[in-house]
Amino acid sequence: MPISIKPYDPRYADQWDEFVRTSMNGTIFHTQKFLGYHPKNKFSWNHLLFFENDDLIAVLPGALVGTTYESPIGASYGSLVVQDMPFNKYIDLVDVFSDFCRQQSYERALLTPAPIIYQSVLQQNLDYALAYRGYTFDKHYISHVIEVLPHDPIPHFQSTTRRYIHKYLREHHIEVQISRDIESFYPILVENKARHGVTPTHSLEDLKILRKLFPEEIVLFMVYHRGNPIAGSLNFVCNQQVLLVFYNMLDYRYEKFHPIHVVMYEVYRWAQMKGFKWIDIGVSQDTKAEDHMTPAYSLIKFKEKFNAKGVMRSTYYKRFL
């Protein structure tokens, strides 16, 4: 049966989010509930639904930037969200989207899917369909992920990290709690980012809104020393597969307690308890380098202390005009 495209309308919101929830590769960032937190008219949204007869088989969150269709906008991951389907349907899906872009006189498309670890089914039919139909890579980033194993993680960490965690468990100089105290977390986050000449992706108000929208999916771990907040880790439950560490921060006056090592250990234990398969600790690029692919070697070295491995986060590109 032919595949048709319908533009998103708010009446599809529940159907869209339920499809993402039960899909093979959807994340919190693909939901209308998440995308809707942005101020009205901030982006030129152009979300698309793909139907085969009356059956929804794919959704694509995105927006127009000039004459370019971009997915995601205002989120970490985008591109087509799908179910596990026969191979030929992926080819048809890409063809229908490409034809739509030509009909709308879009100059190009940029699609950035979540890395393969976010998939509940290990297959790359969609990636192949995009490549087969002429979508090339616009850019690559290296992300680092930790596999969540069913047993004690400490033996898999590097020796210095093991030592810091054993000291934490033995001496109890600091404690880690799951917290709702965004107000204490945010100033330390801002100070951390300023050390690197950047600002947080989200404002404090953004985080408050998101925590209200997703009280179970956005989880803040705070580290305290004698009741004072000294570090934290803000995590997004992306789907049943992956917990994303969006922000790690510390007050450098307390660096001697190695609070980031400690909080990463507690995040791992929580992810283990909740049944996640992976912890995504984010991209590892040198943001000041002229070449966007330049890796941040010191950051990667730190992540490898937790047995993190690199996975690709790539953006597909196709020009239509």
C-alpha atoms as a PDB file:
ATOM      1  CA  MET A   1       0.000   0.000   0.000  1.00  0.00           C
ATOM      2  CA  PRO A   2       1.292   3.530  -0.725  1.00  0.00           C
ATOM      3  CA  ILE A   3       2.636   5.614   2.138  1.00  0.00           C
ATOM      4  CA  SER A   4       1.170   9.090   2.653  1.00  0.00           C
ATOM      5  CA  ILE A   5       2.410  12.046   4.697  1.00  0.00           C
ATOM      6  CA  LYS A   6       0.232  14.186   6.909  1.00  0.00           C
ATOM      7  CA  PRO A   7       1.426  17.392   8.576  1.00  0.00           C
ATOM      8  CA  TYR A   8       1.278  17.317  12.350  1.00  0.00           C
ATOM      9  CA  ASP A   9      -1.803  18.714  14.034  1.00  0.00           C
ATOM     10  CA  PRO A  10      -2.307  18.872  17.828  1.00  0.00           C
ATOM     11  CA  ARG A  11      -5.145  16.340  17.539  1.00  0.00           C
ATOM     12  CA  TYR A  12      -2.430  13.751  16.781  1.00  0.00           C
ATOM     13  CA  ALA A  13      -0.460  14.510  19.967  1.00  0.00           C
ATOM     14  CA  ASP A  14      -1.484  11.450  21.971  1.00  0.00           C
ATOM     15  CA  GLN A  15      -1.180   9.115  18.988  1.00  0.00           C
ATOM     16  CA  TRP A  16       2.242  10.570  18.159  1.00  0.00           C
ATOM     17  CA  ASP A  17       3.625  10.147  21.673  1.00  0.00           C
ATOM     18  CA  GLU A  18       2.211   6.643  22.051  1.00  0.00           C
ATOM     19  CA  PHE A  19       3.816   5.671  18.746  1.00  0.00           C
ATOM     20  CA  VAL A  20       7.172   7.033  19.937  1.00  0.00           C
ATOM     21  CA  ARG A  21       6.823   5.149  23.226  1.00  0.00           C
ATOM     22  CA  THR A  22       6.249   1.801  21.496  1.00  0.00           C
ATOM     23  CA  SER A  23       8.628   2.393  18.574  1.00  0.00           C
ATOM     24  CA  MET A  24      11.939   0.723  17.845  1.00  0.00           C
ATOM     25  CA  ASN A  25      14.061   3.866  18.126  1.00  0.00           C
ATOM     26  CA  GLY A  26      12.088   6.736  19.673  1.00  0.00           C
ATOM     27  CA  THR A  27      13.264   8.793  22.624  1.00  0.00           C
ATOM     28  CA  ILE A  28      11.870  11.410  24.974  1.00  0.00           C
ATOM     29  CA  PHE A  29      13.252  14.023  22.549  1.00  0.00           C
ATOM     30  CA  HIS A  30      10.957  12.814  19.760  1.00  0.00           C
ATOM     31  CA  THR A  31       7.748  13.306  21.749  1.00  0.00           C
ATOM     32  CA  GLN A  32       5.380  16.210  21.298  1.00  0.00           C
ATOM     33  CA  LYS A  33       5.284  16.466  25.073  1.00  0.00           C
ATOM     34  CA  PHE A  34       8.990  17.343  25.053  1.00  0.00           C
ATOM     35  CA  LEU A  35       9.055  19.471  21.911  1.00  0.00           C
ATOM     36  CA  GLY A  36       6.052  21.431  23.127  1.00  0.00           C
ATOM     37  CA  TYR A  37       7.955  22.939  26.052  1.00  0.00           C
ATOM     38  CA  HIS A  38       9.611  25.425  23.719  1.00  0.00           C
ATOM     39  CA  PRO A  39       7.997  28.887  23.542  1.00  0.00           C
ATOM     40  CA  LYS A  40       5.357  29.258  20.862  1.00  0.00           C
ATOM     41  CA  ASN A  41       6.725  30.448  17.495  1.00  0.00           C
ATOM     42  CA  LYS A  42      10.342  29.838  18.506  1.00  0.00           C
ATOM     43  CA  PHE A  43      10.725  27.382  15.620  1.00  0.00           C
ATOM     44  CA  SER A  44       9.001  26.878  12.274  1.00  0.00           C
ATOM     45  CA  TRP A  45       7.791  23.397  13.182  1.00  0.00           C
ATOM     46  CA  ASN A  46       7.019  20.986  10.371  1.00  0.00           C
ATOM     47  CA  HIS A  47       6.465  17.643  12.092  1.00  0.00           C
ATOM     48  CA  LEU A  48       5.339  14.835   9.782  1.00  0.00           C
ATOM     49  CA  LEU A  49       3.303  11.644  10.207  1.00  0.00           C
ATOM     50  CA  PHE A  50       3.597   8.739   7.768  1.00  0.00           C
ATOM     51  CA  PHE A  51       0.571   6.524   7.209  1.00  0.00           C
ATOM     52  CA  GLU A  52       0.034   3.309   5.311  1.00  0.00           C
ATOM     53  CA  ASN A  53      -3.731   3.365   4.831  1.00  0.00           C
ATOM     54  CA  ASP A  54      -4.871   4.291   8.339  1.00  0.00           C
ATOM     55  CA  ASP A  55      -1.875   2.775  10.102  1.00  0.00           C
ATOM     56  CA  LEU A  56       0.755   5.125  11.491  1.00  0.00           C
ATOM     57  CA  ILE A  57       4.146   3.650  10.536  1.00  0.00           C
ATOM     58  CA  ALA A  58       6.563   6.539  11.231  1.00  0.00           C
ATOM     59  CA  VAL A  59       6.821  10.042  12.636  1.00  0.00           C
ATOM     60  CA  LEU A  60       9.413  12.722  11.972  1.00  0.00           C
ATOM     61  CA  PRO A  61       9.836  15.708  14.306  1.00  0.00           C
ATOM     62  CA  GLY A  62      11.430  18.628  12.538  1.00  0.00           C
ATOM     63  CA  ALA A  63      11.373  22.267  11.510  1.00  0.00           C
ATOM     64  CA  LEU A  64      12.292  24.487   8.612  1.00  0.00           C
ATOM     65  CA  VAL A  65      15.432  26.596   8.868  1.00  0.00           C
ATOM     66  CA  GLY A  66      15.335  28.714   5.755  1.00  0.00           C
ATOM     67  CA  THR A  67      14.854  26.120   3.016  1.00  0.00           C
ATOM     68  CA  THR A  68      16.409  23.267   5.023  1.00  0.00           C
ATOM     69  CA  TYR A  69      14.371  20.591   6.768  1.00  0.00           C
ATOM     70  CA  GLU A  70      16.143  19.825  10.054  1.00  0.00           C
ATOM     71  CA  SER A  71      15.485  17.069  12.539  1.00  0.00           C
ATOM     72  CA  PRO A  72      16.003  17.577  15.400  1.00  0.00           C
ATOM     73  CA  ILE A  73      15.427  21.183  16.294  1.00  0.00           C
ATOM     74  CA  GLY A  74      15.330  22.046  19.987  1.00  0.00           C
ATOM     75  CA  ALA A  75      16.225  18.480  21.005  1.00  0.00           C
ATOM     76  CA  SER A  76      19.196  16.129  21.149  1.00  0.00           C
ATOM     77  CA  TYR A  77      17.986  13.518  18.656  1.00  0.00           C
ATOM     78  CA  GLY A  78      15.609  13.460  15.721  1.00  0.00           C
ATOM     79  CA  SER A  79      15.155  11.719  12.352  1.00  0.00           C
ATOM     80  CA  LEU A  80      12.495   9.125  11.551  1.00  0.00           C
ATOM     81  CA  VAL A  81      10.922   7.157  14.380  1.00  0.00           C
ATOM     82  CA  VAL A  82       9.775   3.746  13.204  1.00  0.00           C
ATOM     83  CA  GLN A  83       8.595   0.299  14.198  1.00  0.00           C
ATOM     84  CA  ASP A  84      10.505  -2.824  13.202  1.00  0.00           C
ATOM     85  CA  MET A  85       9.227  -3.338   9.640  1.00  0.00           C
ATOM     86  CA  PRO A  86      10.056  -5.358   6.520  1.00  0.00           C
ATOM     87  CA  PHE A  87      13.113  -4.007   4.722  1.00  0.00           C
ATOM     88  CA  ASN A  88      11.292  -2.669   1.643  1.00  0.00           C
ATOM     89  CA  LYS A  89       9.147  -0.323   3.752  1.00  0.00           C
ATOM     90  CA  TYR A  90      12.218   1.602   4.876  1.00  0.00           C
ATOM     91  CA  ILE A  91      13.137   2.267   1.245  1.00  0.00           C
ATOM     92  CA  ASP A  92       9.563   3.373   0.537  1.00  0.00           C
ATOM     93  CA  LEU A  93       9.561   5.611   3.614  1.00  0.00           C
ATOM     94  CA  VAL A  94      12.757   7.403   2.577  1.00  0.00           C
ATOM     95  CA  ASP A  95      11.463   7.794  -0.984  1.00  0.00           C
ATOM     96  CA  VAL A  96       8.179   9.328   0.202  1.00  0.00           C
ATOM     97  CA  PHE A  97      10.021  11.789   2.457  1.00  0.00           C
ATOM     98  CA  SER A  98      12.447  12.759  -0.328  1.00  0.00           C
ATOM     99  CA  ASP A  99       9.574  13.291  -2.768  1.00  0.00           C
ATOM    100  CA  PHE A 100       7.817  15.433  -0.169  1.00  0.00           C
ATOM    101  CA  CYS A 101      10.917  17.623   0.222  1.00  0.00           C
ATOM    102  CA  ARG A 102      11.157  18.126  -3.532  1.00  0.00           C
ATOM    103  CA  GLN A 103       7.448  18.960  -3.795  1.00  0.00           C
ATOM    104  CA  GLN A 104       7.828  21.540  -1.042  1.00  0.00           C
ATOM    105  CA  SER A 105      10.921  23.005  -2.768  1.00  0.00           C
ATOM    106  CA  TYR A 106      13.137  22.298   0.244  1.00  0.00           C
ATOM    107  CA  GLU A 107      16.769  22.708  -0.668  1.00  0.00           C
ATOM    108  CA  ARG A 108      18.154  20.071   1.672  1.00  0.00           C
ATOM    109  CA  ALA A 109      17.459  17.835   4.683  1.00  0.00           C
ATOM    110  CA  LEU A 110      19.536  17.179   7.802  1.00  0.00           C
ATOM    111  CA  LEU A 111      18.570  14.188   9.947  1.00  0.00           C
ATOM    112  CA  THR A 112      20.333  13.251  13.201  1.00  0.00           C
ATOM    113  CA  PRO A 113      19.078   9.958  14.672  1.00  0.00           C
ATOM    114  CA  ALA A 114      19.930   8.675  18.107  1.00  0.00           C
ATOM    115  CA  PRO A 115      22.901   6.270  18.168  1.00  0.00           C
ATOM    116  CA  ILE A 116      22.160   2.601  17.625  1.00  0.00           C
ATOM    117  CA  ILE A 117      22.207   1.805  21.362  1.00  0.00           C
ATOM    118  CA  TYR A 118      18.840   3.570  21.638  1.00  0.00           C
ATOM    119  CA  GLN A 119      17.180   0.935  19.458  1.00  0.00           C
ATOM    120  CA  SER A 120      15.213  -1.913  21.002  1.00  0.00           C
ATOM    121  CA  VAL A 121      15.888  -3.976  17.852  1.00  0.00           C
ATOM    122  CA  LEU A 122      19.451  -4.237  16.580  1.00  0.00           C
ATOM    123  CA  GLN A 123      19.133  -3.467  12.875  1.00  0.00           C
ATOM    124  CA  GLN A 124      20.155  -0.709  10.462  1.00  0.00           C
ATOM    125  CA  ASN A 125      17.558  -0.937   7.709  1.00  0.00           C
ATOM    126  CA  LEU A 126      16.736   2.769   7.968  1.00  0.00           C
ATOM    127  CA  ASP A 127      20.407   3.784   7.862  1.00  0.00           C
ATOM    128  CA  TYR A 128      20.909   1.660   4.783  1.00  0.00           C
ATOM    129  CA  ALA A 129      17.789   3.056   3.090  1.00  0.00           C
ATOM    130  CA  LEU A 130      19.021   6.613   3.649  1.00  0.00           C
ATOM    131  CA  ALA A 131      22.473   5.788   2.281  1.00  0.00           C
ATOM    132  CA  TYR A 132      21.024   3.857  -0.671  1.00  0.00           C
ATOM    133  CA  ARG A 133      18.862   6.833  -1.616  1.00  0.00           C
ATOM    134  CA  GLY A 134      21.749   9.280  -1.634  1.00  0.00           C
ATOM    135  CA  TYR A 135      21.850  10.630   1.910  1.00  0.00           C
ATOM    136  CA  THR A 136      25.466  11.228   2.845  1.00  0.00           C
ATOM    137  CA  PHE A 137      27.015  12.234   6.165  1.00  0.00           C
ATOM    138  CA  ASP A 138      27.066  15.930   7.019  1.00  0.00           C
ATOM    139  CA  LYS A 139      29.019  15.413  10.235  1.00  0.00           C
ATOM    140  CA  HIS A 140      29.940  12.912  12.899  1.00  0.00           C
ATOM    141  CA  TYR A 141      30.382  13.211  16.630  1.00  0.00           C
ATOM    142  CA  ILE A 142      31.803  10.656  19.029  1.00  0.00           C
ATOM    143  CA  SER A 143      29.590   9.882  22.008  1.00  0.00           C
ATOM    144  CA  HIS A 144      30.600   7.734  24.944  1.00  0.00           C
ATOM    145  CA  VAL A 145      28.391   5.130  26.528  1.00  0.00           C
ATOM    146  CA  ILE A 146      28.650   2.728  29.430  1.00  0.00           C
ATOM    147  CA  GLU A 147      27.103  -0.708  29.205  1.00  0.00           C
ATOM    148  CA  VAL A 148      25.038  -1.450  32.305  1.00  0.00           C
ATOM    149  CA  LEU A 149      26.069  -4.893  33.520  1.00  0.00           C
ATOM    150  CA  PRO A 150      24.086  -7.007  35.993  1.00  0.00           C
ATOM    151  CA  HIS A 151      26.874  -7.207  38.580  1.00  0.00           C
ATOM    152  CA  ASP A 152      29.120  -4.877  40.586  1.00  0.00           C
ATOM    153  CA  PRO A 153      30.517  -2.252  38.180  1.00  0.00           C
ATOM    154  CA  ILE A 154      33.513  -1.237  40.270  1.00  0.00           C
ATOM    155  CA  PRO A 155      35.898  -3.952  38.981  1.00  0.00           C
ATOM    156  CA  HIS A 156      35.288  -2.672  35.431  1.00  0.00           C
ATOM    157  CA  PHE A 157      36.365   0.889  36.296  1.00  0.00           C
ATOM    158  CA  GLN A 158      39.976   2.053  36.101  1.00  0.00           C
ATOM    159  CA  SER A 159      42.111   1.774  39.225  1.00  0.00           C
ATOM    160  CA  THR A 160      42.001   5.435  40.313  1.00  0.00           C
ATOM    161  CA  THR A 161      38.221   5.478  39.964  1.00  0.00           C
ATOM    162  CA  ARG A 162      37.941   2.272  41.977  1.00  0.00           C
ATOM    163  CA  ARG A 163      40.045   3.855  44.703  1.00  0.00           C
ATOM    164  CA  TYR A 164      37.912   7.016  44.872  1.00  0.00           C
ATOM    165  CA  ILE A 165      34.684   5.040  45.059  1.00  0.00           C
ATOM    166  CA  HIS A 166      35.992   2.675  47.734  1.00  0.00           C
ATOM    167  CA  LYS A 167      37.071   5.712  49.764  1.00  0.00           C
ATOM    168  CA  TYR A 168      33.581   7.191  49.394  1.00  0.00           C
ATOM    169  CA  LEU A 169      31.942   3.942  50.484  1.00  0.00           C
ATOM    170  CA  ARG A 170      34.322   3.551  53.412  1.00  0.00           C
ATOM    171  CA  GLU A 171      34.522   7.086  54.825  1.00  0.00           C
ATOM    172  CA  HIS A 172      31.113   8.682  54.033  1.00  0.00           C
ATOM    173  CA  HIS A 173      32.538  12.223  53.788  1.00  0.00           C
ATOM    174  CA  ILE A 174      29.974  12.984  51.115  1.00  0.00           C
ATOM    175  CA  GLU A 175      26.517  11.641  50.333  1.00  0.00           C
ATOM    176  CA  VAL A 176      24.453  11.331  47.160  1.00  0.00           C
ATOM    177  CA  GLN A 177      20.701  11.838  47.026  1.00  0.00           C
ATOM    178  CA  ILE A 178      18.076  11.924  44.309  1.00  0.00           C
ATOM    179  CA  SER A 179      16.816  15.470  44.615  1.00  0.00           C
ATOM    180  CA  ARG A 180      14.413  18.039  43.194  1.00  0.00           C
ATOM    181  CA  ASP A 181      16.703  20.928  44.150  1.00  0.00           C
ATOM    182  CA  ILE A 182      17.305  22.393  40.694  1.00  0.00           C
ATOM    183  CA  GLU A 183      17.897  25.811  42.294  1.00  0.00           C
ATOM    184  CA  SER A 184      21.021  24.556  44.081  1.00  0.00           C
ATOM    185  CA  PHE A 185      22.197  22.578  41.070  1.00  0.00           C
ATOM    186  CA  TYR A 186      21.947  25.327  38.468  1.00  0.00           C
ATOM    187  CA  PRO A 187      24.411  27.981  39.807  1.00  0.00           C
ATOM    188  CA  ILE A 188      27.164  25.379  40.056  1.00  0.00           C
ATOM    189  CA  LEU A 189      26.332  24.198  36.544  1.00  0.00           C
ATOM    190  CA  VAL A 190      26.589  27.767  35.199  1.00  0.00           C
ATOM    191  CA  GLU A 191      29.961  28.228  36.908  1.00  0.00           C
ATOM    192  CA  ASN A 192      31.233  24.932  35.468  1.00  0.00           C
ATOM    193  CA  LYS A 193      30.188  25.881  31.946  1.00  0.00           C
ATOM    194  CA  ALA A 194      31.752  29.327  32.301  1.00  0.00           C
ATOM    195  CA  ARG A 195      35.134  27.693  32.940  1.00  0.00           C
ATOM    196  CA  HIS A 196      34.920  26.425  29.363  1.00  0.00           C
ATOM    197  CA  GLY A 197      33.519  29.642  27.900  1.00  0.00           C
ATOM    198  CA  VAL A 198      29.998  28.292  27.304  1.00  0.00           C
ATOM    199  CA  THR A 199      26.555  28.426  28.892  1.00  0.00           C
ATOM    200  CA  PRO A 200      24.139  25.575  29.669  1.00  0.00           C
ATOM    201  CA  THR A 201      21.802  24.438  26.896  1.00  0.00           C
ATOM    202  CA  HIS A 202      18.838  25.011  29.208  1.00  0.00           C
ATOM    203  CA  SER A 203      17.935  27.981  31.358  1.00  0.00           C
ATOM    204  CA  LEU A 204      16.874  27.398  34.944  1.00  0.00           C
ATOM    205  CA  GLU A 205      13.285  28.085  33.873  1.00  0.00           C
ATOM    206  CA  ASP A 206      13.625  25.498  31.081  1.00  0.00           C
ATOM    207  CA  LEU A 207      14.705  22.864  33.582  1.00  0.00           C
ATOM    208  CA  LYS A 208      11.864  23.711  35.939  1.00  0.00           C
ATOM    209  CA  ILE A 209       9.363  23.340  33.106  1.00  0.00           C
ATOM    210  CA  LEU A 210      10.879  20.055  31.981  1.00  0.00           C
ATOM    211  CA  ARG A 211      10.950  18.644  35.505  1.00  0.00           C
ATOM    212  CA  LYS A 212       7.272  19.497  35.841  1.00  0.00           C
ATOM    213  CA  LEU A 213       6.469  17.841  32.512  1.00  0.00           C
ATOM    214  CA  PHE A 214       8.643  14.789  33.183  1.00  0.00           C
ATOM    215  CA  PRO A 215       8.825  14.213  36.944  1.00  0.00           C
ATOM    216  CA  GLU A 216       9.802  10.551  36.485  1.00  0.00           C
ATOM    217  CA  GLU A 217      12.008  10.902  33.412  1.00  0.00           C
ATOM    218  CA  ILE A 218      14.319  13.730  34.516  1.00  0.00           C
ATOM    219  CA  VAL A 219      16.333  12.602  37.512  1.00  0.00           C
ATOM    220  CA  LEU A 220      18.711  14.818  39.479  1.00  0.00           C
ATOM    221  CA  PHE A 221      21.438  13.307  41.648  1.00  0.00           C
ATOM    222  CA  MET A 222      22.949  15.776  44.117  1.00  0.00           C
ATOM    223  CA  VAL A 223      26.166  15.319  46.094  1.00  0.00           C
ATOM    224  CA  TYR A 224      26.369  16.918  49.544  1.00  0.00           C
ATOM    225  CA  HIS A 225      29.184  17.588  51.979  1.00  0.00           C
ATOM    226  CA  ARG A 226      27.904  18.372  55.472  1.00  0.00           C
ATOM    227  CA  GLY A 227      24.605  19.405  53.955  1.00  0.00           C
ATOM    228  CA  ASN A 228      26.121  21.696  51.318  1.00  0.00           C
ATOM    229  CA  PRO A 229      25.542  20.875  47.618  1.00  0.00           C
ATOM    230  CA  ILE A 230      28.894  20.306  45.958  1.00  0.00           C
ATOM    231  CA  ALA A 231      28.109  18.388  42.753  1.00  0.00           C
ATOM    232  CA  GLY A 232      25.321  16.868  40.721  1.00  0.00           C
ATOM    233  CA  SER A 233      24.231  14.906  37.690  1.00  0.00           C
ATOM    234  CA  LEU A 234      21.047  15.631  35.729  1.00  0.00           C
ATOM    235  CA  ASN A 235      19.807  12.627  33.770  1.00  0.00           C
ATOM    236  CA  PHE A 236      17.119  12.066  31.123  1.00  0.00           C
ATOM    237  CA  VAL A 237      15.325   8.738  30.855  1.00  0.00           C
ATOM    238  CA  CYS A 238      15.350   8.634  27.048  1.00  0.00           C
ATOM    239  CA  ASN A 239      13.610   5.305  26.561  1.00  0.00           C
ATOM    240  CA  GLN A 240      13.654   1.828  28.085  1.00  0.00           C
ATOM    241  CA  GLN A 241      17.147   1.241  26.746  1.00  0.00           C
ATOM    242  CA  VAL A 242      19.126   4.338  27.645  1.00  0.00           C
ATOM    243  CA  LEU A 243      19.685   6.793  30.478  1.00  0.00           C
ATOM    244  CA  LEU A 244      21.337   9.998  29.226  1.00  0.00           C
ATOM    245  CA  VAL A 245      23.642  11.969  31.533  1.00  0.00           C
ATOM    246  CA  PHE A 246      22.858  15.462  30.272  1.00  0.00           C
ATOM    247  CA  TYR A 247      24.795  17.534  32.816  1.00  0.00           C
ATOM    248  CA  ASN A 248      27.530  16.670  35.295  1.00  0.00           C
ATOM    249  CA  MET A 249      28.846  19.489  37.468  1.00  0.00           C
ATOM    250  CA  LEU A 250      30.892  20.073  40.601  1.00  0.00           C
ATOM    251  CA  ASP A 251      31.988  22.858  42.889  1.00  0.00           C
ATOM    252  CA  TYR A 252      35.748  22.757  42.343  1.00  0.00           C
ATOM    253  CA  ARG A 253      36.405  23.779  45.945  1.00  0.00           C
ATOM    254  CA  TYR A 254      35.431  20.206  46.834  1.00  0.00           C
ATOM    255  CA  GLU A 255      37.322  18.483  44.053  1.00  0.00           C
ATOM    256  CA  LYS A 256      39.408  16.541  46.587  1.00  0.00           C
ATOM    257  CA  PHE A 257      36.355  14.395  47.343  1.00  0.00           C
ATOM    258  CA  HIS A 258      36.099  13.378  43.650  1.00  0.00           C
ATOM    259  CA  PRO A 259      32.330  13.912  43.628  1.00  0.00           C
ATOM    260  CA  ILE A 260      31.910  13.274  39.879  1.00  0.00           C
ATOM    261  CA  HIS A 261      33.419   9.807  40.233  1.00  0.00           C
ATOM    262  CA  VAL A 262      31.069   9.177  43.123  1.00  0.00           C
ATOM    263  CA  VAL A 263      27.932  10.465  41.437  1.00  0.00           C
ATOM    264  CA  MET A 264      28.685   8.484  38.280  1.00  0.00           C
ATOM    265  CA  TYR A 265      28.888   5.355  40.398  1.00  0.00           C
ATOM    266  CA  GLU A 266      25.511   6.125  41.981  1.00  0.00           C
ATOM    267  CA  VAL A 267      23.964   6.914  38.586  1.00  0.00           C
ATOM    268  CA  TYR A 268      25.219   3.532  37.359  1.00  0.00           C
ATOM    269  CA  ARG A 269      23.706   1.745  40.356  1.00  0.00           C
ATOM    270  CA  TRP A 270      20.373   3.474  39.799  1.00  0.00           C
ATOM    271  CA  ALA A 271      20.412   2.638  36.074  1.00  0.00           C
ATOM    272  CA  GLN A 272      21.185  -0.949  36.980  1.00  0.00           C
ATOM    273  CA  MET A 273      18.260  -1.078  39.432  1.00  0.00           C
ATOM    274  CA  LYS A 274      15.892   0.404  36.817  1.00  0.00           C
ATOM    275  CA  GLY A 275      16.903  -2.066  34.122  1.00  0.00           C
ATOM    276  CA  PHE A 276      18.599   0.235  31.589  1.00  0.00           C
ATOM    277  CA  LYS A 277      21.044  -1.314  29.156  1.00  0.00           C
ATOM    278  CA  TRP A 278      23.175   1.757  28.515  1.00  0.00           C
ATOM    279  CA  ILE A 279      24.226   5.047  30.076  1.00  0.00           C
ATOM    280  CA  ASP A 280      24.969   7.706  27.481  1.00  0.00           C
ATOM    281  CA  ILE A 281      27.430  10.241  28.885  1.00  0.00           C
ATOM    282  CA  GLY A 282      27.330  12.481  25.842  1.00  0.00           C
ATOM    283  CA  VAL A 283      29.465  13.702  22.983  1.00  0.00           C
ATOM    284  CA  SER A 284      33.183  14.215  23.445  1.00  0.00           C
ATOM    285  CA  GLN A 285      34.135  16.955  21.002  1.00  0.00           C
ATOM    286  CA  ASP A 286      36.526  19.880  21.331  1.00  0.00           C
ATOM    287  CA  THR A 287      33.966  22.665  20.875  1.00  0.00           C
ATOM    288  CA  LYS A 288      36.701  25.278  20.349  1.00  0.00           C
ATOM    289  CA  ALA A 289      38.356  23.459  17.461  1.00  0.00           C
ATOM    290  CA  GLU A 290      37.817  24.586  13.878  1.00  0.00           C
ATOM    291  CA  ASP A 291      37.163  20.997  12.798  1.00  0.00           C
ATOM    292  CA  HIS A 292      33.937  19.916  14.510  1.00  0.00           C
ATOM    293  CA  MET A 293      35.135  16.303  14.561  1.00  0.00           C
ATOM    294  CA  THR A 294      38.145  17.118  16.753  1.00  0.00           C
ATOM    295  CA  PRO A 295      37.874  14.884  19.829  1.00  0.00           C
ATOM    296  CA  ALA A 296      38.276  16.231  23.352  1.00  0.00           C
ATOM    297  CA  TYR A 297      40.978  13.813  24.426  1.00  0.00           C
ATOM    298  CA  SER A 298      41.008  14.712  28.116  1.00  0.00           C
ATOM    299  CA  LEU A 299      37.222  14.325  28.337  1.00  0.00           C
ATOM    300  CA  ILE A 300      37.389  10.963  26.592  1.00  0.00           C
ATOM    301  CA  LYS A 301      40.149   9.829  28.929  1.00  0.00           C
ATOM    302  CA  PHE A 302      37.946  10.734  31.901  1.00  0.00           C
ATOM    303  CA  LYS A 303      34.961   8.839  30.488  1.00  0.00           C
ATOM    304  CA  GLU A 304      37.081   5.774  29.823  1.00  0.00           C
ATOM    305  CA  LYS A 305      37.735   5.586  33.553  1.00  0.00           C
ATOM    306  CA  PHE A 306      34.175   4.248  33.799  1.00  0.00           C
ATOM    307  CA  ASN A 307      34.698   1.702  31.011  1.00  0.00           C
ATOM    308  CA  ALA A 308      32.907   3.974  28.513  1.00  0.00           C
ATOM    309  CA  LYS A 309      33.147   3.146  24.815  1.00  0.00           C
ATOM    310  CA  GLY A 310      32.699   5.363  21.780  1.00  0.00           C
ATOM    311  CA  VAL A 311      29.652   5.249  19.508  1.00  0.00           C
ATOM    312  CA  MET A 312      28.923   7.425  16.493  1.00  0.00           C
ATOM    313  CA  ARG A 313      26.321  10.180  16.484  1.00  0.00           C
ATOM    314  CA  SER A 314      25.983  11.105  12.831  1.00  0.00           C
ATOM    315  CA  THR A 315      23.915  13.551  10.778  1.00  0.00           C
ATOM    316  CA  TYR A 316      22.576  12.495   7.376  1.00  0.00           C
ATOM    317  CA  TYR A 317      22.442  15.068   4.601  1.00  0.00           C
ATOM    318  CA  LYS A 318      20.749  15.233   1.220  1.00  0.00           C
ATOM    319  CA  ARG A 319      20.409  18.088  -1.241  1.00  0.00           C
ATOM    320  CA  PHE A 320      17.235  18.163  -3.349  1.00  0.00           C
ATOM    321  CA  LEU A 321      17.574  21.334  -5.467  1.00  0.00           C
END
